Amino acid sequence: MNSFYNNNDYPSVEEQSSMWKEIDKTISPQRPLKVFHWKSFWMGNAAAVLIGFALLGAFSVIHSIRIHFSADSPDNRMYETLTAATDQLKGISPILVDQASDERKADLRSTMQAISEIDKLIEEIRKDILINGETPAKRENLKRLYATKLDFYKDILLKEDLNS
């Protein structure tokens, strides 16, 4: 064997057995391979639920944006119709001012200036709606401004008819 050790120096079979048992106890046992990991399962389900909520939120935001900025909404059609009508009346107004008597021209010009101020207010509110969104108060203000503008045009037309 070895020149340094003799046969009595080696551990016996019983000693070897007890020694290896102690060594096995100190070595951490390997975990058995799991086919199904519960932690991964719950993390995956949580991620799927979060992705589902995110998609639902994205679709609802896109839908509300489409409705909000849709050119086919009744309010937009009404505002476009009112704008077209007042633009046509705006084309007639200078003719009526030119045909008016001298004492009426100053009155009609001040009315035309008031109409142009209303136009500025309407534009300002419409730009604000595009930037900040529409509210019932803004919608009501627009309707009132258009009504006032149409009242001014009605006054111009009726006063011209009375003078004729």
N, C-alpha and C. Protein backbone atom coordinates (compact mmCIF):
# COMPACT_ATOMS: atom_id res chain seq x y z
N MET A 1 0.80 -1.17 0.00
CA MET A 1 0.00 0.00 0.00
C MET A 1 0.86 1.25 0.00
N ASN A 2 0.81 1.88 1.10
CA ASN A 2 1.55 3.12 1.19
C ASN A 2 2.61 2.95 2.29
N SER A 3 3.74 3.57 2.08
CA SER A 3 4.82 3.43 3.05
C SER A 3 4.54 4.22 4.33
N PHE A 4 3.69 5.21 4.25
CA PHE A 4 3.39 6.03 5.42
C PHE A 4 2.28 5.43 6.27
N TYR A 5 1.36 4.70 5.65
CA TYR A 5 0.21 4.16 6.37
C TYR A 5 0.27 2.64 6.37
N ASN A 6 -0.22 2.03 7.38
CA ASN A 6 -0.37 0.57 7.36
C ASN A 6 -1.85 0.25 7.40
N ASN A 7 -2.24 -0.96 7.38
CA ASN A 7 -3.65 -1.37 7.28
C ASN A 7 -4.45 -0.96 8.51
N ASN A 8 -3.85 -0.82 9.62
CA ASN A 8 -4.57 -0.43 10.83
C ASN A 8 -4.91 1.06 10.84
N ASP A 9 -4.22 1.82 10.03
CA ASP A 9 -4.48 3.26 9.97
C ASP A 9 -5.76 3.60 9.17
N TYR A 10 -6.20 2.72 8.35
CA TYR A 10 -7.40 2.97 7.55
C TYR A 10 -8.64 2.74 8.39
N PRO A 11 -9.73 3.49 8.10
CA PRO A 11 -10.94 3.28 8.87
C PRO A 11 -11.59 1.95 8.49
N SER A 12 -12.29 1.42 9.46
CA SER A 12 -12.99 0.15 9.21
C SER A 12 -14.23 0.43 8.37
N VAL A 13 -14.90 -0.61 7.96
CA VAL A 13 -16.10 -0.50 7.13
C VAL A 13 -17.19 0.24 7.92
N GLU A 14 -17.32 -0.03 9.18
CA GLU A 14 -18.32 0.64 10.00
C GLU A 14 -17.99 2.12 10.15
N GLU A 15 -16.70 2.41 10.35
CA GLU A 15 -16.28 3.80 10.48
C GLU A 15 -16.49 4.56 9.17
N GLN A 16 -16.18 3.88 8.07
CA GLN A 16 -16.42 4.51 6.76
C GLN A 16 -17.90 4.79 6.56
N SER A 17 -18.72 3.86 6.94
CA SER A 17 -20.17 4.01 6.78
C SER A 17 -20.68 5.19 7.61
N SER A 18 -20.28 5.28 8.86
CA SER A 18 -20.74 6.39 9.69
C SER A 18 -20.17 7.72 9.20
N MET A 19 -18.93 7.70 8.72
CA MET A 19 -18.31 8.91 8.19
C MET A 19 -19.08 9.42 6.95
N TRP A 20 -19.44 8.52 6.06
CA TRP A 20 -20.16 8.92 4.85
C TRP A 20 -21.59 9.36 5.18
N LYS A 21 -22.19 8.81 6.21
CA LYS A 21 -23.52 9.26 6.62
C LYS A 21 -23.46 10.71 7.11
N GLU A 22 -22.44 11.04 7.89
CA GLU A 22 -22.28 12.41 8.37
C GLU A 22 -22.00 13.37 7.21
N ILE A 23 -21.21 12.93 6.27
CA ILE A 23 -20.92 13.77 5.09
C ILE A 23 -22.19 14.01 4.30
N ASP A 24 -23.00 12.97 4.12
CA ASP A 24 -24.28 13.12 3.39
C ASP A 24 -25.22 14.08 4.10
N LYS A 25 -25.21 14.07 5.44
CA LYS A 25 -26.07 14.98 6.19
C LYS A 25 -25.66 16.44 5.99
N THR A 26 -24.37 16.70 5.90
CA THR A 26 -23.90 18.07 5.75
C THR A 26 -24.08 18.60 4.33
N ILE A 27 -24.07 17.73 3.36
CA ILE A 27 -24.29 18.17 1.97
C ILE A 27 -25.79 18.41 1.80
N SER A 28 -26.13 19.62 1.25
CA SER A 28 -27.55 19.93 1.06
C SER A 28 -28.14 19.03 -0.01
N PRO A 29 -29.26 18.48 0.30
CA PRO A 29 -29.87 17.58 -0.70
C PRO A 29 -30.38 18.38 -1.90
N GLN A 30 -30.31 17.85 -3.06
CA GLN A 30 -30.83 18.51 -4.26
C GLN A 30 -32.35 18.41 -4.26
N ARG A 31 -32.94 19.51 -4.63
CA ARG A 31 -34.39 19.51 -4.71
C ARG A 31 -34.82 18.69 -5.91
N PRO A 32 -35.94 18.05 -5.76
CA PRO A 32 -36.43 17.30 -6.92
C PRO A 32 -36.91 18.28 -8.00
N LEU A 33 -36.75 17.94 -9.23
CA LEU A 33 -37.13 18.79 -10.36
C LEU A 33 -38.66 18.89 -10.40
N LYS A 34 -39.15 20.15 -10.34
CA LYS A 34 -40.58 20.38 -10.40
C LYS A 34 -40.96 20.70 -11.83
N VAL A 35 -41.98 20.05 -12.29
CA VAL A 35 -42.47 20.32 -13.63
C VAL A 35 -43.35 21.56 -13.64
N PHE A 36 -44.06 21.82 -12.57
CA PHE A 36 -45.00 22.93 -12.49
C PHE A 36 -44.54 23.89 -11.40
N HIS A 37 -44.27 25.14 -11.78
CA HIS A 37 -43.82 26.14 -10.82
C HIS A 37 -44.99 27.07 -10.50
N TRP A 38 -45.46 27.02 -9.27
CA TRP A 38 -46.61 27.82 -8.87
C TRP A 38 -46.32 29.31 -8.95
N LYS A 39 -45.14 29.71 -8.59
CA LYS A 39 -44.80 31.13 -8.62
C LYS A 39 -44.88 31.68 -10.05
N SER A 40 -44.33 30.95 -10.98
CA SER A 40 -44.40 31.38 -12.39
C SER A 40 -45.84 31.40 -12.88
N PHE A 41 -46.62 30.43 -12.44
CA PHE A 41 -48.02 30.36 -12.84
C PHE A 41 -48.77 31.61 -12.39
N TRP A 42 -48.62 32.00 -11.12
CA TRP A 42 -49.33 33.16 -10.61
C TRP A 42 -48.80 34.45 -11.21
N MET A 43 -47.51 34.54 -11.42
CA MET A 43 -46.94 35.73 -12.05
C MET A 43 -47.45 35.88 -13.49
N GLY A 44 -47.52 34.79 -14.20
CA GLY A 44 -48.03 34.83 -15.57
C GLY A 44 -49.49 35.24 -15.62
N ASN A 45 -50.28 34.70 -14.71
CA ASN A 45 -51.70 35.08 -14.67
C ASN A 45 -51.88 36.54 -14.29
N ALA A 46 -51.09 37.01 -13.34
CA ALA A 46 -51.18 38.43 -12.97
C ALA A 46 -50.79 39.32 -14.14
N ALA A 47 -49.75 38.94 -14.87
CA ALA A 47 -49.33 39.72 -16.05
C ALA A 47 -50.43 39.70 -17.11
N ALA A 48 -51.07 38.56 -17.31
CA ALA A 48 -52.14 38.48 -18.31
C ALA A 48 -53.31 39.37 -17.93
N VAL A 49 -53.66 39.40 -16.65
CA VAL A 49 -54.76 40.25 -16.19
C VAL A 49 -54.40 41.72 -16.39
N LEU A 50 -53.16 42.10 -16.03
CA LEU A 50 -52.73 43.49 -16.21
C LEU A 50 -52.72 43.88 -17.69
N ILE A 51 -52.25 43.00 -18.54
CA ILE A 51 -52.25 43.29 -19.98
C ILE A 51 -53.68 43.42 -20.49
N GLY A 52 -54.57 42.57 -19.98
CA GLY A 52 -55.98 42.66 -20.36
C GLY A 52 -56.59 44.00 -19.98
N PHE A 53 -56.33 44.45 -18.74
CA PHE A 53 -56.84 45.75 -18.31
C PHE A 53 -56.24 46.88 -19.13
N ALA A 54 -54.95 46.77 -19.44
CA ALA A 54 -54.30 47.82 -20.24
C ALA A 54 -54.91 47.89 -21.64
N LEU A 55 -55.17 46.74 -22.24
CA LEU A 55 -55.79 46.73 -23.57
C LEU A 55 -57.21 47.28 -23.51
N LEU A 56 -57.95 46.90 -22.49
CA LEU A 56 -59.31 47.41 -22.33
C LEU A 56 -59.29 48.93 -22.17
N GLY A 57 -58.38 49.44 -21.37
CA GLY A 57 -58.24 50.88 -21.20
C GLY A 57 -57.86 51.57 -22.49
N ALA A 58 -56.91 50.98 -23.23
CA ALA A 58 -56.48 51.59 -24.49
C ALA A 58 -57.64 51.63 -25.49
N PHE A 59 -58.40 50.54 -25.58
CA PHE A 59 -59.53 50.54 -26.51
C PHE A 59 -60.59 51.55 -26.11
N SER A 60 -60.86 51.68 -24.83
CA SER A 60 -61.88 52.65 -24.41
C SER A 60 -61.41 54.08 -24.65
N VAL A 61 -60.12 54.35 -24.45
CA VAL A 61 -59.60 55.69 -24.72
C VAL A 61 -59.68 55.99 -26.21
N ILE A 62 -59.28 55.05 -27.04
CA ILE A 62 -59.34 55.25 -28.49
C ILE A 62 -60.79 55.47 -28.93
N HIS A 63 -61.70 54.70 -28.38
CA HIS A 63 -63.12 54.85 -28.73
C HIS A 63 -63.64 56.23 -28.33
N SER A 64 -63.30 56.67 -27.12
CA SER A 64 -63.78 57.98 -26.68
C SER A 64 -63.14 59.10 -27.49
N ILE A 65 -61.89 58.93 -27.89
CA ILE A 65 -61.24 59.95 -28.74
C ILE A 65 -61.93 60.01 -30.09
N ARG A 66 -62.25 58.86 -30.65
CA ARG A 66 -62.95 58.85 -31.94
C ARG A 66 -64.30 59.56 -31.84
N ILE A 67 -65.02 59.27 -30.78
CA ILE A 67 -66.33 59.90 -30.60
C ILE A 67 -66.16 61.40 -30.37
N HIS A 68 -65.17 61.75 -29.55
CA HIS A 68 -64.97 63.16 -29.20
C HIS A 68 -64.57 64.00 -30.40
N PHE A 69 -63.67 63.48 -31.22
CA PHE A 69 -63.17 64.25 -32.35
C PHE A 69 -63.83 63.86 -33.67
N SER A 70 -64.89 63.12 -33.59
CA SER A 70 -65.58 62.69 -34.80
C SER A 70 -66.22 63.89 -35.49
N ALA A 71 -65.99 63.96 -36.77
CA ALA A 71 -66.58 65.07 -37.55
C ALA A 71 -68.07 64.85 -37.76
N ASP A 72 -68.55 63.65 -37.51
CA ASP A 72 -69.95 63.34 -37.75
C ASP A 72 -70.82 63.56 -36.51
N SER A 73 -70.25 64.09 -35.45
CA SER A 73 -71.07 64.28 -34.25
C SER A 73 -72.11 65.37 -34.53
N PRO A 74 -73.27 65.27 -33.90
CA PRO A 74 -74.34 66.26 -34.16
C PRO A 74 -73.92 67.69 -33.84
N ASP A 75 -73.15 67.87 -32.77
CA ASP A 75 -72.73 69.23 -32.42
C ASP A 75 -71.82 69.81 -33.50
N ASN A 76 -70.88 69.00 -33.99
CA ASN A 76 -69.98 69.50 -35.04
C ASN A 76 -70.75 69.84 -36.31
N ARG A 77 -71.71 69.00 -36.67
CA ARG A 77 -72.52 69.30 -37.86
C ARG A 77 -73.32 70.58 -37.66
N MET A 78 -73.85 70.76 -36.45
CA MET A 78 -74.63 71.97 -36.17
C MET A 78 -73.73 73.20 -36.27
N TYR A 79 -72.52 73.13 -35.68
CA TYR A 79 -71.61 74.28 -35.72
C TYR A 79 -71.16 74.58 -37.15
N GLU A 80 -70.92 73.53 -37.93
CA GLU A 80 -70.52 73.75 -39.32
C GLU A 80 -71.66 74.38 -40.12
N THR A 81 -72.89 73.93 -39.87
CA THR A 81 -74.04 74.51 -40.56
C THR A 81 -74.23 75.97 -40.17
N LEU A 82 -74.12 76.26 -38.88
CA LEU A 82 -74.25 77.65 -38.43
C LEU A 82 -73.14 78.52 -39.01
N THR A 83 -71.93 77.99 -39.06
CA THR A 83 -70.81 78.75 -39.63
C THR A 83 -71.06 79.03 -41.11
N ALA A 84 -71.53 78.02 -41.84
CA ALA A 84 -71.81 78.22 -43.27
C ALA A 84 -72.91 79.25 -43.47
N ALA A 85 -73.96 79.17 -42.64
CA ALA A 85 -75.07 80.13 -42.78
C ALA A 85 -74.62 81.55 -42.46
N THR A 86 -73.86 81.71 -41.39
CA THR A 86 -73.42 83.05 -41.03
C THR A 86 -72.38 83.58 -42.01
N ASP A 87 -71.60 82.69 -42.62
CA ASP A 87 -70.65 83.15 -43.65
C ASP A 87 -71.39 83.68 -44.87
N GLN A 88 -72.49 83.03 -45.23
CA GLN A 88 -73.28 83.54 -46.36
C GLN A 88 -73.93 84.88 -46.01
N LEU A 89 -74.41 84.99 -44.78
CA LEU A 89 -74.99 86.28 -44.36
C LEU A 89 -73.92 87.36 -44.28
N LYS A 90 -72.70 86.96 -43.95
CA LYS A 90 -71.60 87.92 -43.89
C LYS A 90 -71.33 88.50 -45.28
N GLY A 91 -71.52 87.70 -46.31
CA GLY A 91 -71.33 88.18 -47.68
C GLY A 91 -72.41 89.16 -48.11
N ILE A 92 -73.60 89.02 -47.57
CA ILE A 92 -74.70 89.92 -47.92
C ILE A 92 -74.62 91.24 -47.17
N SER A 93 -74.09 91.21 -45.96
CA SER A 93 -74.09 92.39 -45.09
C SER A 93 -73.42 93.62 -45.69
N PRO A 94 -72.24 93.52 -46.33
CA PRO A 94 -71.66 94.74 -46.91
C PRO A 94 -72.54 95.36 -47.99
N ILE A 95 -73.26 94.52 -48.71
CA ILE A 95 -74.17 95.04 -49.74
C ILE A 95 -75.28 95.85 -49.07
N LEU A 96 -75.82 95.31 -47.96
CA LEU A 96 -76.88 96.02 -47.24
C LEU A 96 -76.36 97.33 -46.63
N VAL A 97 -75.12 97.33 -46.16
CA VAL A 97 -74.54 98.55 -45.59
C VAL A 97 -74.39 99.60 -46.68
N ASP A 98 -73.93 99.18 -47.86
CA ASP A 98 -73.76 100.13 -48.97
C ASP A 98 -75.09 100.70 -49.44
N GLN A 99 -76.15 99.90 -49.39
CA GLN A 99 -77.45 100.36 -49.85
C GLN A 99 -78.19 101.18 -48.80
N ALA A 100 -77.73 101.16 -47.57
CA ALA A 100 -78.44 101.85 -46.48
C ALA A 100 -78.26 103.36 -46.60
N SER A 101 -79.17 104.06 -45.95
CA SER A 101 -79.07 105.52 -45.92
C SER A 101 -77.87 105.91 -45.05
N ASP A 102 -77.45 107.16 -45.19
CA ASP A 102 -76.25 107.61 -44.48
C ASP A 102 -76.40 107.52 -42.97
N GLU A 103 -77.58 107.85 -42.45
CA GLU A 103 -77.75 107.80 -41.00
C GLU A 103 -77.76 106.36 -40.48
N ARG A 104 -78.13 105.39 -41.32
CA ARG A 104 -78.17 103.98 -40.93
C ARG A 104 -76.82 103.29 -41.10
N LYS A 105 -75.94 103.84 -41.94
CA LYS A 105 -74.66 103.17 -42.20
C LYS A 105 -73.82 103.03 -40.93
N ALA A 106 -73.77 104.07 -40.11
CA ALA A 106 -72.98 104.00 -38.88
C ALA A 106 -73.52 102.92 -37.94
N ASP A 107 -74.85 102.84 -37.85
CA ASP A 107 -75.47 101.82 -37.00
C ASP A 107 -75.16 100.41 -37.52
N LEU A 108 -75.27 100.23 -38.83
CA LEU A 108 -74.99 98.92 -39.43
C LEU A 108 -73.52 98.54 -39.30
N ARG A 109 -72.64 99.53 -39.43
CA ARG A 109 -71.20 99.24 -39.30
C ARG A 109 -70.86 98.82 -37.86
N SER A 110 -71.48 99.45 -36.88
CA SER A 110 -71.22 99.05 -35.49
C SER A 110 -71.76 97.63 -35.23
N THR A 111 -72.90 97.32 -35.86
CA THR A 111 -73.44 95.97 -35.74
C THR A 111 -72.50 94.96 -36.40
N MET A 112 -71.94 95.33 -37.55
CA MET A 112 -70.99 94.44 -38.24
C MET A 112 -69.72 94.25 -37.39
N GLN A 113 -69.30 95.31 -36.71
CA GLN A 113 -68.13 95.19 -35.84
C GLN A 113 -68.44 94.27 -34.66
N ALA A 114 -69.65 94.36 -34.12
CA ALA A 114 -70.05 93.46 -33.02
C ALA A 114 -70.06 92.01 -33.50
N ILE A 115 -70.50 91.81 -34.74
CA ILE A 115 -70.51 90.46 -35.31
C ILE A 115 -69.09 89.93 -35.45
N SER A 116 -68.16 90.79 -35.87
CA SER A 116 -66.77 90.33 -36.00
C SER A 116 -66.17 90.01 -34.63
N GLU A 117 -66.56 90.74 -33.58
CA GLU A 117 -66.10 90.41 -32.22
C GLU A 117 -66.66 89.06 -31.77
N ILE A 118 -67.92 88.81 -32.12
CA ILE A 118 -68.52 87.51 -31.80
C ILE A 118 -67.79 86.40 -32.54
N ASP A 119 -67.40 86.66 -33.81
CA ASP A 119 -66.63 85.67 -34.56
C ASP A 119 -65.32 85.34 -33.85
N LYS A 120 -64.65 86.36 -33.31
CA LYS A 120 -63.40 86.12 -32.59
C LYS A 120 -63.64 85.26 -31.35
N LEU A 121 -64.73 85.55 -30.63
CA LEU A 121 -65.05 84.75 -29.45
C LEU A 121 -65.37 83.30 -29.82
N ILE A 122 -66.10 83.13 -30.91
CA ILE A 122 -66.44 81.77 -31.37
C ILE A 122 -65.16 81.01 -31.72
N GLU A 123 -64.25 81.65 -32.44
CA GLU A 123 -62.98 81.01 -32.80
C GLU A 123 -62.18 80.65 -31.56
N GLU A 124 -62.17 81.55 -30.60
CA GLU A 124 -61.42 81.30 -29.36
C GLU A 124 -61.97 80.08 -28.62
N ILE A 125 -63.29 80.00 -28.52
CA ILE A 125 -63.90 78.86 -27.82
C ILE A 125 -63.66 77.57 -28.60
N ARG A 126 -63.77 77.62 -29.92
CA ARG A 126 -63.53 76.40 -30.71
C ARG A 126 -62.09 75.92 -30.58
N LYS A 127 -61.12 76.84 -30.56
CA LYS A 127 -59.73 76.44 -30.35
C LYS A 127 -59.54 75.85 -28.95
N ASP A 128 -60.20 76.44 -27.97
CA ASP A 128 -60.11 75.92 -26.60
C ASP A 128 -60.71 74.52 -26.52
N ILE A 129 -61.78 74.28 -27.25
CA ILE A 129 -62.39 72.94 -27.27
C ILE A 129 -61.43 71.94 -27.89
N LEU A 130 -60.74 72.34 -28.96
CA LEU A 130 -59.79 71.42 -29.58
C LEU A 130 -58.63 71.09 -28.65
N ILE A 131 -58.20 72.07 -27.87
CA ILE A 131 -57.05 71.85 -27.00
C ILE A 131 -57.46 71.15 -25.70
N ASN A 132 -58.48 71.66 -25.03
CA ASN A 132 -58.83 71.19 -23.69
C ASN A 132 -60.05 70.29 -23.64
N GLY A 133 -60.73 70.10 -24.74
CA GLY A 133 -61.92 69.26 -24.75
C GLY A 133 -63.19 70.07 -24.56
N GLU A 134 -64.29 69.43 -24.89
CA GLU A 134 -65.59 70.10 -24.85
C GLU A 134 -66.26 69.87 -23.50
N THR A 135 -66.86 70.92 -22.99
CA THR A 135 -67.64 70.82 -21.76
C THR A 135 -69.04 71.37 -22.05
N PRO A 136 -70.01 71.03 -21.23
CA PRO A 136 -71.36 71.58 -21.45
C PRO A 136 -71.39 73.11 -21.43
N ALA A 137 -70.56 73.72 -20.59
CA ALA A 137 -70.54 75.19 -20.52
C ALA A 137 -70.01 75.78 -21.83
N LYS A 138 -68.96 75.19 -22.38
CA LYS A 138 -68.41 75.69 -23.65
C LYS A 138 -69.42 75.50 -24.78
N ARG A 139 -70.08 74.35 -24.77
CA ARG A 139 -71.09 74.07 -25.80
C ARG A 139 -72.22 75.10 -25.72
N GLU A 140 -72.65 75.40 -24.49
CA GLU A 140 -73.72 76.38 -24.29
C GLU A 140 -73.27 77.77 -24.71
N ASN A 141 -72.04 78.15 -24.39
CA ASN A 141 -71.51 79.45 -24.82
C ASN A 141 -71.47 79.57 -26.33
N LEU A 142 -71.04 78.49 -27.01
CA LEU A 142 -71.01 78.53 -28.47
C LEU A 142 -72.41 78.72 -29.04
N LYS A 143 -73.37 77.99 -28.50
CA LYS A 143 -74.75 78.12 -28.99
C LYS A 143 -75.28 79.53 -28.78
N ARG A 144 -74.98 80.11 -27.62
CA ARG A 144 -75.44 81.48 -27.35
C ARG A 144 -74.76 82.49 -28.27
N LEU A 145 -73.47 82.30 -28.52
CA LEU A 145 -72.77 83.23 -29.42
C LEU A 145 -73.34 83.14 -30.84
N TYR A 146 -73.59 81.91 -31.31
CA TYR A 146 -74.18 81.77 -32.64
C TYR A 146 -75.59 82.39 -32.67
N ALA A 147 -76.35 82.19 -31.60
CA ALA A 147 -77.70 82.77 -31.56
C ALA A 147 -77.63 84.30 -31.57
N THR A 148 -76.69 84.86 -30.82
CA THR A 148 -76.53 86.32 -30.81
C THR A 148 -76.12 86.83 -32.19
N LYS A 149 -75.22 86.11 -32.82
CA LYS A 149 -74.75 86.49 -34.16
C LYS A 149 -75.92 86.46 -35.15
N LEU A 150 -76.72 85.41 -35.08
CA LEU A 150 -77.88 85.33 -35.97
C LEU A 150 -78.90 86.42 -35.66
N ASP A 151 -79.04 86.78 -34.38
CA ASP A 151 -79.93 87.88 -34.02
C ASP A 151 -79.45 89.20 -34.64
N PHE A 152 -78.15 89.43 -34.61
CA PHE A 152 -77.60 90.65 -35.23
C PHE A 152 -77.89 90.66 -36.73
N TYR A 153 -77.70 89.52 -37.40
CA TYR A 153 -77.99 89.46 -38.83
C TYR A 153 -79.49 89.66 -39.09
N LYS A 154 -80.32 89.09 -38.22
CA LYS A 154 -81.76 89.27 -38.37
C LYS A 154 -82.12 90.75 -38.22
N ASP A 155 -81.50 91.42 -37.25
CA ASP A 155 -81.76 92.85 -37.06
C ASP A 155 -81.34 93.65 -38.29
N ILE A 156 -80.18 93.29 -38.86
CA ILE A 156 -79.71 94.00 -40.07
C ILE A 156 -80.72 93.82 -41.20
N LEU A 157 -81.18 92.58 -41.39
CA LEU A 157 -82.12 92.31 -42.48
C LEU A 157 -83.47 92.96 -42.23
N LEU A 158 -83.97 92.89 -41.01
CA LEU A 158 -85.29 93.47 -40.72
C LEU A 158 -85.26 94.99 -40.78
N LYS A 159 -84.21 95.61 -40.29
CA LYS A 159 -84.11 97.07 -40.35
C LYS A 159 -84.00 97.54 -41.79
N GLU A 160 -83.35 96.74 -42.61
CA GLU A 160 -83.23 97.10 -44.03
C GLU A 160 -84.59 97.00 -44.69
N ASP A 161 -85.36 95.95 -44.30
CA ASP A 161 -86.70 95.81 -44.87
C ASP A 161 -87.60 96.96 -44.44
N LEU A 162 -87.46 97.43 -43.21
CA LEU A 162 -88.28 98.54 -42.73
C LEU A 162 -87.94 99.83 -43.46
N ASN A 163 -86.68 100.01 -43.80
CA ASN A 163 -86.26 101.22 -44.49
C ASN A 163 -86.65 101.20 -45.97
N SER A 164 -86.91 100.04 -46.51
CA SER A 164 -87.23 99.96 -47.94
C SER A 164 -88.63 100.38 -48.24
